[in-house]
Structure formats: C-alpha cells, structure tokens
C-alpha cells in the first residue's frame, strides 16, 4: 500500500485526488475489465492507459490524460523500485561481446523500460535493428515472434 500512498501524494500535484485504497481497487478493476475486453490469447495492458483513465476520473481540473497517465506509470515504477541497478556480471559480459550484433527482447512496459535501459547505460550495447519491444503487441511471450520472421521487423 506504501507504493499507492506515494503515488497518490505525487498525484496531488498533477491535479488528481484519490486515496490509496481506492486507487488500488480501481486499478485492479480497470485492469480486469481491460483484459476481459481483449481478443488476444494472452492479452496485456498498457499501464499508462489504465492510470490515465483513473486519473481523468479523479481529476480536480482539466488534465492531459495521456501525459498524466504516462507520468503516473513512471511515478508508480519509481515508488515500487526496491533495487535498481545493472548487475556487474552483465556489464562485464556486454563489454566482452562488444562488436557482435546483439538485441533485446522485452515484454516490459515501454513507458519506462526504454528510459531505464538508457539510464543504466545499457541501451548503447544493442542495435535498434535487433531490438524488439513486445509490450503493446498483444503477445505476452516472445514465442509468437519466433514463428513468423515478419514479427521481428
């Protein structure tokens, strides 16, 4: 509940008034509704859209739903982090593999994962040609991309 409390305190300054318990309840309800309305076998959500909907419903003044939703997703991520670092072994391996074409396959939420890779100075090791962000594609697992090469573009 501490994460929701921190985010709700932050939301005060975005013009959104909601208590942490209600925020948690609405988040779970909205996620459930979103997942049930999807046609994909393994549906996923974009947390920034969920947070945006909730924020708009509880806004005290006009807000930009997409901007506040994305910033709320990042604030939530920041409030929920317990450890945030690149493992030294990983950095060593990336250094040893420099010069080889490498890529990333990720189903992390795009609203914050790209920023995290950039912050940790990891993104530079990977060619954009070989990077794949599957969040937002309706496929929670990378397996479907390996069946159809066109999915890698």
N, C-alpha and C. Protein backbone atom coordinates (compact mmCIF):
# COMPACT_ATOMS: atom_id res chain seq x y z
N UNK A 1 0.82 -1.19 0.00
CA UNK A 1 0.00 0.00 0.00
C UNK A 1 0.87 1.26 0.00
N UNK A 2 2.11 1.12 0.46
CA UNK A 2 3.01 2.28 0.52
C UNK A 2 3.26 2.87 -0.88
N UNK A 3 3.38 2.00 -1.87
CA UNK A 3 3.58 2.47 -3.24
C UNK A 3 2.40 3.32 -3.69
N UNK A 4 1.19 2.85 -3.44
CA UNK A 4 -0.01 3.59 -3.83
C UNK A 4 -0.11 4.90 -3.06
N UNK A 5 0.27 4.89 -1.80
CA UNK A 5 0.25 6.11 -0.99
C UNK A 5 1.22 7.15 -1.58
N UNK A 6 2.42 6.72 -1.92
CA UNK A 6 3.41 7.63 -2.50
C UNK A 6 2.91 8.20 -3.82
N UNK A 7 2.35 7.36 -4.68
CA UNK A 7 1.85 7.82 -5.98
C UNK A 7 0.67 8.78 -5.79
N UNK A 8 -0.22 8.48 -4.86
CA UNK A 8 -1.36 9.37 -4.62
C UNK A 8 -0.90 10.72 -4.09
N UNK A 9 0.13 10.74 -3.28
CA UNK A 9 0.70 12.02 -2.83
C UNK A 9 1.27 12.80 -4.02
N UNK A 10 1.95 12.10 -4.91
CA UNK A 10 2.51 12.73 -6.11
C UNK A 10 1.38 13.27 -7.00
N UNK A 11 0.27 12.51 -7.08
CA UNK A 11 -0.85 12.91 -7.93
C UNK A 11 -1.51 14.21 -7.49
N UNK A 12 -1.36 14.57 -6.22
CA UNK A 12 -1.89 15.85 -5.74
C UNK A 12 -1.40 16.97 -6.65
N UNK A 13 -0.14 16.91 -7.02
CA UNK A 13 0.49 17.96 -7.81
C UNK A 13 0.19 17.86 -9.30
N UNK A 14 -0.54 16.82 -9.66
CA UNK A 14 -1.00 16.66 -11.04
C UNK A 14 -2.48 17.01 -11.15
N UNK A 15 -3.08 17.37 -10.01
CA UNK A 15 -4.50 17.74 -10.01
C UNK A 15 -5.44 16.56 -9.88
N UNK A 16 -4.95 15.49 -9.27
CA UNK A 16 -5.75 14.28 -9.12
C UNK A 16 -5.90 13.95 -7.64
N UNK A 17 -7.14 13.74 -7.23
CA UNK A 17 -7.43 13.44 -5.82
C UNK A 17 -8.05 12.05 -5.71
N UNK A 18 -7.28 11.14 -5.13
CA UNK A 18 -7.75 9.76 -4.93
C UNK A 18 -6.97 9.18 -3.77
N UNK A 19 -7.64 8.41 -2.91
CA UNK A 19 -6.90 7.82 -1.80
C UNK A 19 -6.29 6.49 -2.23
N UNK A 20 -5.24 6.05 -1.56
CA UNK A 20 -4.50 4.85 -1.99
C UNK A 20 -5.35 3.59 -2.11
N UNK A 21 -6.26 3.38 -1.17
CA UNK A 21 -7.09 2.17 -1.21
C UNK A 21 -8.00 2.18 -2.44
N UNK A 22 -8.59 3.35 -2.72
CA UNK A 22 -9.45 3.46 -3.89
C UNK A 22 -8.64 3.33 -5.18
N UNK A 23 -7.44 3.87 -5.18
CA UNK A 23 -6.57 3.77 -6.35
C UNK A 23 -6.26 2.30 -6.65
N UNK A 24 -5.91 1.54 -5.62
CA UNK A 24 -5.63 0.11 -5.80
C UNK A 24 -6.87 -0.62 -6.31
N UNK A 25 -8.02 -0.36 -5.70
CA UNK A 25 -9.26 -1.02 -6.11
C UNK A 25 -9.60 -0.69 -7.56
N UNK A 26 -9.51 0.58 -7.92
CA UNK A 26 -9.82 0.98 -9.30
C UNK A 26 -8.81 0.43 -10.29
N UNK A 27 -7.56 0.37 -9.90
CA UNK A 27 -6.53 -0.19 -10.78
C UNK A 27 -6.86 -1.65 -11.09
N UNK A 28 -7.12 -2.43 -10.05
CA UNK A 28 -7.44 -3.86 -10.25
C UNK A 28 -8.69 -4.02 -11.11
N UNK A 29 -9.71 -3.24 -10.82
CA UNK A 29 -10.97 -3.32 -11.57
C UNK A 29 -10.77 -2.95 -13.03
N UNK A 30 -10.04 -1.88 -13.28
CA UNK A 30 -9.82 -1.41 -14.65
C UNK A 30 -8.96 -2.38 -15.44
N UNK A 31 -7.95 -2.94 -14.80
CA UNK A 31 -7.11 -3.95 -15.46
C UNK A 31 -7.95 -5.16 -15.83
N UNK A 32 -8.77 -5.63 -14.90
CA UNK A 32 -9.63 -6.80 -15.15
C UNK A 32 -10.57 -6.53 -16.34
N UNK A 33 -11.20 -5.38 -16.34
CA UNK A 33 -12.10 -5.01 -17.45
C UNK A 33 -11.35 -4.95 -18.78
N UNK A 34 -10.19 -4.35 -18.75
CA UNK A 34 -9.38 -4.23 -19.97
C UNK A 34 -8.98 -5.60 -20.51
N UNK A 35 -8.51 -6.47 -19.64
CA UNK A 35 -8.09 -7.81 -20.06
C UNK A 35 -9.27 -8.61 -20.61
N UNK A 36 -10.42 -8.50 -19.96
CA UNK A 36 -11.60 -9.24 -20.41
C UNK A 36 -12.15 -8.73 -21.74
N UNK A 37 -11.86 -7.49 -22.07
CA UNK A 37 -12.38 -6.92 -23.32
C UNK A 37 -11.48 -7.21 -24.52
N UNK A 38 -10.33 -7.79 -24.29
CA UNK A 38 -9.35 -8.03 -25.36
C UNK A 38 -9.61 -9.37 -26.04
N UNK A 39 -9.24 -9.47 -27.30
CA UNK A 39 -9.44 -10.69 -28.06
C UNK A 39 -8.22 -11.60 -28.06
N UNK A 40 -7.03 -11.08 -27.70
CA UNK A 40 -5.81 -11.87 -27.79
C UNK A 40 -5.83 -13.05 -26.81
N UNK A 41 -5.09 -14.08 -27.16
CA UNK A 41 -4.98 -15.26 -26.31
C UNK A 41 -4.30 -14.89 -24.98
N UNK A 42 -3.28 -14.06 -25.05
CA UNK A 42 -2.55 -13.61 -23.87
C UNK A 42 -2.55 -12.08 -23.86
N UNK A 43 -3.69 -11.49 -23.51
CA UNK A 43 -3.77 -10.03 -23.58
C UNK A 43 -2.86 -9.36 -22.55
N UNK A 44 -2.55 -8.15 -22.83
CA UNK A 44 -1.75 -7.36 -21.91
C UNK A 44 -2.35 -5.97 -21.83
N UNK A 45 -1.84 -5.21 -20.93
CA UNK A 45 -2.33 -3.84 -20.77
C UNK A 45 -1.17 -2.87 -20.92
N UNK A 46 -1.51 -1.65 -21.17
CA UNK A 46 -0.54 -0.56 -21.11
C UNK A 46 -0.89 0.20 -19.83
N UNK A 47 -0.01 0.12 -18.86
CA UNK A 47 -0.32 0.71 -17.56
C UNK A 47 -0.58 2.21 -17.67
N UNK A 48 0.07 2.88 -18.61
CA UNK A 48 -0.14 4.33 -18.73
C UNK A 48 -1.58 4.65 -19.14
N UNK A 49 -2.22 3.77 -19.91
CA UNK A 49 -3.61 4.00 -20.29
C UNK A 49 -4.54 3.75 -19.11
N UNK A 50 -4.24 2.72 -18.33
CA UNK A 50 -5.03 2.43 -17.13
C UNK A 50 -4.93 3.59 -16.15
N UNK A 51 -3.70 4.01 -15.86
CA UNK A 51 -3.51 5.12 -14.93
C UNK A 51 -4.16 6.40 -15.47
N UNK A 52 -4.07 6.62 -16.77
CA UNK A 52 -4.68 7.81 -17.36
C UNK A 52 -6.19 7.84 -17.15
N UNK A 53 -6.85 6.71 -17.36
CA UNK A 53 -8.31 6.63 -17.15
C UNK A 53 -8.67 6.95 -15.71
N UNK A 54 -7.94 6.34 -14.79
CA UNK A 54 -8.22 6.57 -13.37
C UNK A 54 -7.99 8.03 -13.00
N UNK A 55 -6.90 8.58 -13.47
CA UNK A 55 -6.58 9.98 -13.16
C UNK A 55 -7.63 10.93 -13.71
N UNK A 56 -8.09 10.67 -14.93
CA UNK A 56 -9.10 11.53 -15.54
C UNK A 56 -10.39 11.52 -14.71
N UNK A 57 -10.76 10.35 -14.20
CA UNK A 57 -11.98 10.23 -13.39
C UNK A 57 -11.86 10.98 -12.06
N UNK A 58 -10.66 11.17 -11.58
CA UNK A 58 -10.46 11.79 -10.27
C UNK A 58 -9.75 13.14 -10.35
N UNK A 59 -9.74 13.71 -11.55
CA UNK A 59 -9.06 14.99 -11.75
C UNK A 59 -9.87 16.13 -11.14
N UNK A 60 -9.18 17.03 -10.50
CA UNK A 60 -9.81 18.22 -9.92
C UNK A 60 -9.92 19.35 -10.95
N UNK A 61 -9.09 19.29 -11.99
CA UNK A 61 -9.12 20.24 -13.08
C UNK A 61 -8.77 19.49 -14.35
N UNK A 62 -8.86 20.15 -15.48
CA UNK A 62 -8.53 19.51 -16.76
C UNK A 62 -7.09 19.01 -16.74
N UNK A 63 -6.91 17.76 -17.14
CA UNK A 63 -5.57 17.19 -17.24
C UNK A 63 -5.41 16.58 -18.63
N UNK A 64 -4.19 16.43 -19.05
CA UNK A 64 -3.89 15.70 -20.28
C UNK A 64 -3.77 14.23 -19.87
N UNK A 65 -4.80 13.46 -20.17
CA UNK A 65 -4.89 12.07 -19.72
C UNK A 65 -3.69 11.23 -20.13
N UNK A 66 -3.22 11.41 -21.35
CA UNK A 66 -2.10 10.58 -21.81
C UNK A 66 -0.79 10.98 -21.13
N UNK A 67 -0.56 12.27 -20.93
CA UNK A 67 0.66 12.72 -20.26
C UNK A 67 0.65 12.31 -18.80
N UNK A 68 -0.46 12.59 -18.11
CA UNK A 68 -0.54 12.24 -16.69
C UNK A 68 -0.51 10.73 -16.51
N UNK A 69 -1.13 10.00 -17.43
CA UNK A 69 -1.09 8.53 -17.35
C UNK A 69 0.32 7.99 -17.46
N UNK A 70 1.09 8.50 -18.43
CA UNK A 70 2.48 8.05 -18.62
C UNK A 70 3.34 8.45 -17.43
N UNK A 71 3.19 9.67 -16.96
CA UNK A 71 3.99 10.12 -15.81
C UNK A 71 3.61 9.36 -14.53
N UNK A 72 2.32 9.02 -14.40
CA UNK A 72 1.89 8.23 -13.24
C UNK A 72 2.49 6.83 -13.30
N UNK A 73 2.54 6.25 -14.49
CA UNK A 73 3.16 4.92 -14.64
C UNK A 73 4.62 4.97 -14.20
N UNK A 74 5.31 6.03 -14.60
CA UNK A 74 6.73 6.17 -14.21
C UNK A 74 6.86 6.45 -12.72
N UNK A 75 5.96 7.26 -12.17
CA UNK A 75 5.99 7.53 -10.73
C UNK A 75 5.72 6.25 -9.94
N UNK A 76 4.77 5.43 -10.44
CA UNK A 76 4.46 4.16 -9.79
C UNK A 76 5.67 3.24 -9.83
N UNK A 77 6.31 3.19 -10.98
CA UNK A 77 7.51 2.36 -11.12
C UNK A 77 8.59 2.82 -10.14
N UNK A 78 8.81 4.11 -10.07
CA UNK A 78 9.83 4.66 -9.17
C UNK A 78 9.48 4.36 -7.71
N UNK A 79 8.21 4.50 -7.36
CA UNK A 79 7.79 4.26 -5.98
C UNK A 79 7.88 2.79 -5.59
N UNK A 80 7.80 1.91 -6.59
CA UNK A 80 7.81 0.47 -6.29
C UNK A 80 9.20 -0.17 -6.39
N UNK A 81 10.18 0.59 -6.88
CA UNK A 81 11.52 0.02 -7.00
C UNK A 81 12.13 -0.27 -5.64
N UNK A 82 12.69 -1.42 -5.50
CA UNK A 82 13.42 -1.77 -4.27
C UNK A 82 14.91 -1.87 -4.55
N UNK A 83 15.24 -2.24 -5.77
CA UNK A 83 16.62 -2.29 -6.25
C UNK A 83 16.60 -1.89 -7.71
N UNK A 84 17.58 -1.11 -8.09
CA UNK A 84 17.64 -0.70 -9.49
C UNK A 84 19.10 -0.54 -9.86
N UNK A 85 19.59 -1.53 -10.60
CA UNK A 85 20.99 -1.48 -11.00
C UNK A 85 21.24 -2.51 -12.08
N UNK A 86 22.32 -2.32 -12.78
CA UNK A 86 22.78 -3.32 -13.73
C UNK A 86 23.74 -4.22 -12.96
N UNK A 87 23.58 -5.50 -13.09
CA UNK A 87 24.48 -6.43 -12.41
C UNK A 87 25.88 -6.31 -12.99
N UNK A 88 26.90 -6.27 -12.16
CA UNK A 88 28.27 -6.15 -12.66
C UNK A 88 28.64 -7.24 -13.67
N UNK A 89 28.14 -8.47 -13.44
CA UNK A 89 28.43 -9.57 -14.36
C UNK A 89 27.83 -9.29 -15.74
N UNK A 90 26.65 -8.68 -15.75
CA UNK A 90 26.01 -8.36 -17.03
C UNK A 90 26.79 -7.29 -17.78
N UNK A 91 27.23 -6.29 -17.06
CA UNK A 91 28.01 -5.22 -17.70
C UNK A 91 29.33 -5.77 -18.25
N UNK A 92 29.93 -6.69 -17.50
CA UNK A 92 31.18 -7.30 -17.95
C UNK A 92 30.94 -8.10 -19.23
N UNK A 93 29.87 -8.86 -19.26
CA UNK A 93 29.53 -9.67 -20.43
C UNK A 93 29.24 -8.77 -21.64
N UNK A 94 28.49 -7.70 -21.44
CA UNK A 94 28.20 -6.78 -22.54
C UNK A 94 29.48 -6.19 -23.11
N UNK A 95 30.41 -5.85 -22.24
CA UNK A 95 31.70 -5.30 -22.67
C UNK A 95 32.46 -6.35 -23.50
N UNK A 96 32.46 -7.60 -23.04
CA UNK A 96 33.17 -8.67 -23.75
C UNK A 96 32.55 -8.96 -25.11
N UNK A 97 31.26 -8.71 -25.26
CA UNK A 97 30.56 -9.00 -26.51
C UNK A 97 30.49 -7.81 -27.45
N UNK A 98 31.13 -6.71 -27.08
CA UNK A 98 31.13 -5.54 -27.96
C UNK A 98 31.62 -5.93 -29.35
N UNK A 99 30.97 -5.41 -30.36
CA UNK A 99 31.34 -5.72 -31.73
C UNK A 99 30.45 -6.79 -32.35
N UNK A 100 29.79 -7.58 -31.51
CA UNK A 100 28.85 -8.58 -32.02
C UNK A 100 27.46 -7.96 -32.10
N UNK A 101 26.68 -8.35 -33.11
CA UNK A 101 25.31 -7.83 -33.16
C UNK A 101 24.50 -8.45 -32.01
N UNK A 102 23.92 -7.61 -31.23
CA UNK A 102 23.11 -8.08 -30.09
C UNK A 102 21.77 -7.38 -30.12
N UNK A 103 20.79 -8.02 -29.56
CA UNK A 103 19.46 -7.43 -29.50
C UNK A 103 18.82 -7.65 -28.15
N UNK A 104 17.68 -7.03 -27.99
CA UNK A 104 16.90 -7.13 -26.76
C UNK A 104 15.52 -7.61 -27.13
N UNK A 105 15.02 -8.58 -26.39
CA UNK A 105 13.62 -8.97 -26.47
C UNK A 105 13.04 -8.69 -25.09
N UNK A 106 12.02 -7.86 -25.05
CA UNK A 106 11.49 -7.44 -23.75
C UNK A 106 9.99 -7.34 -23.79
N UNK A 107 9.35 -7.77 -22.72
CA UNK A 107 7.91 -7.53 -22.59
C UNK A 107 7.64 -6.56 -21.44
N UNK A 108 8.66 -5.82 -21.06
CA UNK A 108 8.48 -4.79 -20.04
C UNK A 108 7.65 -3.65 -20.60
N UNK A 109 7.02 -2.91 -19.74
CA UNK A 109 6.21 -1.77 -20.16
C UNK A 109 7.10 -0.72 -20.83
N UNK A 110 6.78 -0.39 -22.06
CA UNK A 110 7.59 0.54 -22.84
C UNK A 110 7.65 1.93 -22.22
N UNK A 111 6.64 2.28 -21.45
CA UNK A 111 6.57 3.62 -20.87
C UNK A 111 7.75 3.93 -19.95
N UNK A 112 8.37 2.87 -19.40
CA UNK A 112 9.54 3.12 -18.56
C UNK A 112 10.77 2.29 -18.90
N UNK A 113 10.62 1.19 -19.61
CA UNK A 113 11.77 0.29 -19.82
C UNK A 113 12.86 0.93 -20.69
N UNK A 114 12.47 1.67 -21.71
CA UNK A 114 13.47 2.33 -22.54
C UNK A 114 14.29 3.34 -21.76
N UNK A 115 13.62 4.08 -20.90
CA UNK A 115 14.31 5.06 -20.05
C UNK A 115 15.27 4.37 -19.08
N UNK A 116 14.86 3.23 -18.56
CA UNK A 116 15.72 2.50 -17.62
C UNK A 116 16.97 1.99 -18.31
N UNK A 117 16.81 1.45 -19.52
CA UNK A 117 17.99 0.97 -20.27
C UNK A 117 18.94 2.12 -20.58
N UNK A 118 18.37 3.26 -20.91
CA UNK A 118 19.19 4.43 -21.20
C UNK A 118 19.89 4.92 -19.93
N UNK A 119 19.17 5.00 -18.84
CA UNK A 119 19.73 5.45 -17.57
C UNK A 119 20.88 4.56 -17.11
N UNK A 120 20.70 3.26 -17.26
CA UNK A 120 21.73 2.30 -16.84
C UNK A 120 22.87 2.20 -17.86
N UNK A 121 22.78 2.95 -18.94
CA UNK A 121 23.79 2.99 -19.98
C UNK A 121 23.96 1.62 -20.65
N UNK A 122 22.86 0.91 -20.78
CA UNK A 122 22.86 -0.43 -21.38
C UNK A 122 22.42 -0.37 -22.84
N UNK A 123 21.52 0.53 -23.16
CA UNK A 123 20.92 0.59 -24.50
C UNK A 123 21.96 0.69 -25.61
N UNK A 124 23.06 1.37 -25.34
CA UNK A 124 24.09 1.59 -26.37
C UNK A 124 24.72 0.29 -26.88
N UNK A 125 24.58 -0.78 -26.12
CA UNK A 125 25.18 -2.07 -26.50
C UNK A 125 24.36 -2.82 -27.55
N UNK A 126 23.15 -2.33 -27.81
CA UNK A 126 22.23 -3.07 -28.68
C UNK A 126 21.86 -2.26 -29.91
N UNK A 127 21.87 -2.92 -31.04
CA UNK A 127 21.46 -2.30 -32.29
C UNK A 127 19.94 -2.19 -32.29
N UNK A 128 19.44 -1.05 -32.74
CA UNK A 128 17.98 -0.91 -32.82
C UNK A 128 17.41 -1.88 -33.84
N UNK A 129 18.23 -2.29 -34.77
CA UNK A 129 17.80 -3.26 -35.78
C UNK A 129 17.45 -4.61 -35.15
N UNK A 130 18.08 -4.92 -34.03
CA UNK A 130 17.86 -6.21 -33.39
C UNK A 130 17.13 -6.08 -32.05
N UNK A 131 16.46 -4.99 -31.84
CA UNK A 131 15.74 -4.79 -30.59
C UNK A 131 14.25 -4.93 -30.82
N UNK A 132 13.60 -5.56 -29.90
CA UNK A 132 12.18 -5.85 -30.04
C UNK A 132 11.48 -5.58 -28.73
N UNK A 133 10.53 -4.68 -28.74
CA UNK A 133 9.72 -4.38 -27.56
C UNK A 133 8.37 -5.00 -27.82
N UNK A 134 8.04 -6.07 -27.13
CA UNK A 134 6.77 -6.72 -27.42
C UNK A 134 5.64 -6.23 -26.54
N UNK A 135 5.92 -5.37 -25.60
CA UNK A 135 4.85 -4.76 -24.83
C UNK A 135 3.99 -3.93 -25.77
N UNK A 136 2.69 -4.12 -25.69
CA UNK A 136 1.79 -3.37 -26.55
C UNK A 136 1.43 -4.08 -27.84
N UNK A 137 1.91 -5.29 -28.02
CA UNK A 137 1.62 -6.02 -29.26
C UNK A 137 0.52 -7.06 -29.07
N UNK A 138 0.09 -7.27 -27.84
CA UNK A 138 -0.92 -8.30 -27.58
C UNK A 138 -0.32 -9.68 -27.41
N UNK A 139 0.99 -9.75 -27.28
CA UNK A 139 1.67 -11.03 -27.08
C UNK A 139 2.56 -10.92 -25.86
N UNK A 140 2.21 -11.63 -24.80
CA UNK A 140 2.99 -11.54 -23.58
C UNK A 140 4.28 -12.34 -23.64
N UNK A 141 4.39 -13.25 -24.58
CA UNK A 141 5.60 -14.06 -24.66
C UNK A 141 6.26 -13.85 -26.02
N UNK A 142 7.57 -13.89 -26.07
CA UNK A 142 8.25 -13.68 -27.35
C UNK A 142 8.08 -14.84 -28.32
N UNK A 143 7.57 -15.98 -27.89
CA UNK A 143 7.46 -17.16 -28.73
C UNK A 143 6.76 -16.92 -30.05
N UNK A 144 5.72 -16.11 -30.05
CA UNK A 144 4.98 -15.88 -31.29
C UNK A 144 5.82 -15.16 -32.33
N UNK A 145 6.81 -14.40 -31.90
CA UNK A 145 7.66 -13.71 -32.85
C UNK A 145 8.63 -14.66 -33.54
N UNK A 146 8.97 -15.74 -32.90
CA UNK A 146 9.92 -16.68 -33.49
C UNK A 146 9.24 -17.55 -34.55
N UNK A 147 7.93 -17.61 -34.55
CA UNK A 147 7.22 -18.40 -35.54
C UNK A 147 7.12 -17.66 -36.89
N UNK A 148 7.00 -16.36 -36.83
CA UNK A 148 6.85 -15.57 -38.05
C UNK A 148 7.97 -14.53 -38.12
N UNK A 149 8.94 -14.71 -38.99
CA UNK A 149 10.04 -13.74 -39.08
C UNK A 149 9.58 -12.32 -39.31
N UNK A 150 8.43 -12.11 -39.95
CA UNK A 150 7.96 -10.75 -40.19
C UNK A 150 7.68 -10.02 -38.88
N UNK A 151 7.45 -10.74 -37.78
CA UNK A 151 7.20 -10.12 -36.49
C UNK A 151 8.44 -9.49 -35.90
N UNK A 152 9.60 -9.76 -36.46
CA UNK A 152 10.85 -9.22 -35.92
C UNK A 152 11.18 -7.85 -36.47
N UNK A 153 10.43 -7.39 -37.45
CA UNK A 153 10.75 -6.10 -38.10
C UNK A 153 10.37 -4.96 -37.19
